Amino acid sequence: MSVAARAETAPLSDAAIVEAYLTASMIPDPDAAAAYMAPGTVITFTGGREFDHPRGPTGFNAKRYRWVKKKMTDSTSAPAMAKPSL
């Protein structure tokens, strides 16, 4: 197995998942972005709009903007908080 193939199967950090999602969504490739979402994820967007797939924000932005270029410089993440037991 090549190094490239092994790298593709290695688990991504939380920050890497977010960066990959944002990169795919800015291309825009909403179907590729969806691969980084857990089932049942709801995207809360500008104005409280809720979408269950990246096609929602992509379609919304397509009506508002012709082209936008963003530059991501770095990502950080906080550890997940444990859910309180009931």
Protein backbone atom coordinates (compact mmCIF):
# COMPACT_ATOMS: atom_id res chain seq x y z
CA MET A 1 0.00 0.00 0.00
CA SER A 2 1.38 3.41 -0.91
CA VAL A 3 1.99 6.14 1.65
CA ALA A 4 -0.70 8.25 -0.03
CA ALA A 5 -3.27 5.48 0.32
CA ARG A 6 -2.42 5.00 4.00
CA ALA A 7 -2.68 8.74 4.62
CA GLU A 8 -6.19 8.76 3.20
CA THR A 9 -7.35 6.11 5.66
CA ALA A 10 -5.79 7.68 8.77
CA PRO A 11 -8.35 9.29 11.10
CA LEU A 12 -8.50 13.07 10.84
CA SER A 13 -8.32 15.38 13.81
CA ASP A 14 -11.40 17.43 14.63
CA ALA A 15 -9.70 20.55 13.25
CA ALA A 16 -8.74 18.72 10.04
CA ILE A 17 -12.34 17.55 9.56
CA VAL A 18 -13.62 21.12 9.93
CA GLU A 19 -10.97 22.43 7.53
CA ALA A 20 -11.76 19.73 4.96
CA TYR A 21 -15.49 20.50 5.26
CA LEU A 22 -14.92 24.24 4.81
CA THR A 23 -12.53 23.71 1.90
CA ALA A 24 -15.04 21.47 0.09
CA SER A 25 -17.92 23.84 0.80
CA MET A 26 -15.99 26.83 -0.58
CA ILE A 27 -15.08 25.10 -3.86
CA PRO A 28 -18.21 24.68 -3.82
CA ASP A 29 -18.62 20.91 -3.65
CA PRO A 30 -21.48 20.38 -1.20
CA ASP A 31 -21.56 16.62 -1.73
CA ALA A 32 -17.88 16.32 -0.79
CA ALA A 33 -18.51 18.59 2.21
CA ALA A 34 -21.37 16.33 3.30
CA ALA A 35 -18.91 13.45 3.66
CA TYR A 36 -17.49 15.25 6.72
CA MET A 37 -20.86 15.62 8.46
CA ALA A 38 -22.35 13.20 10.95
CA PRO A 39 -25.85 11.90 10.22
CA GLY A 40 -28.47 14.25 11.62
CA THR A 41 -26.20 17.30 11.60
CA VAL A 42 -28.06 20.59 11.27
CA ILE A 43 -26.21 23.61 9.87
CA THR A 44 -27.45 26.86 11.42
CA PHE A 45 -26.64 29.58 8.94
CA THR A 46 -26.98 33.33 8.62
CA GLY A 47 -30.26 34.61 10.02
CA GLY A 48 -31.00 31.35 11.85
CA ARG A 49 -31.64 29.41 8.64
CA GLU A 50 -31.27 25.67 9.21
CA PHE A 51 -30.04 23.20 6.60
CA ASP A 52 -29.48 19.45 6.81
CA HIS A 53 -27.02 19.32 3.88
CA PRO A 54 -24.27 21.65 2.62
CA ARG A 55 -26.34 22.22 -0.53
CA GLY A 56 -28.49 24.56 1.59
CA PRO A 57 -25.84 27.17 2.41
CA THR A 58 -24.25 26.72 -1.03
CA GLY A 59 -27.56 27.46 -2.75
CA PHE A 60 -28.27 30.36 -0.42
CA ASN A 61 -24.86 31.92 -1.08
CA ALA A 62 -25.13 31.35 -4.84
CA LYS A 63 -28.08 33.75 -4.88
CA ARG A 64 -26.16 36.40 -2.93
CA TYR A 65 -22.59 36.26 -4.23
CA ARG A 66 -20.96 35.72 -7.60
CA TRP A 67 -17.56 34.84 -6.18
CA VAL A 68 -15.88 34.96 -2.78
CA LYS A 69 -12.33 34.02 -1.93
CA LYS A 70 -11.52 33.25 1.68
CA LYS A 71 -8.20 32.46 3.25
CA MET A 72 -8.03 30.06 6.18
CA THR A 73 -4.91 30.59 8.22
CA ASP A 74 -5.18 28.12 11.08
CA SER A 75 -7.64 25.99 12.98
CA THR A 76 -7.89 25.07 16.60
CA SER A 77 -10.33 22.86 18.41
CA ALA A 78 -11.37 22.32 21.98
CA PRO A 79 -11.82 18.85 23.40
CA ALA A 80 -15.37 17.58 23.35
CA MET A 81 -17.23 17.99 26.60
CA ALA A 82 -18.60 14.89 28.25
CA LYS A 83 -22.38 14.69 28.25
CA PRO A 84 -23.81 14.86 31.75
CA SER A 85 -25.33 11.64 32.99
CA LEU A 86 -29.01 11.78 33.78
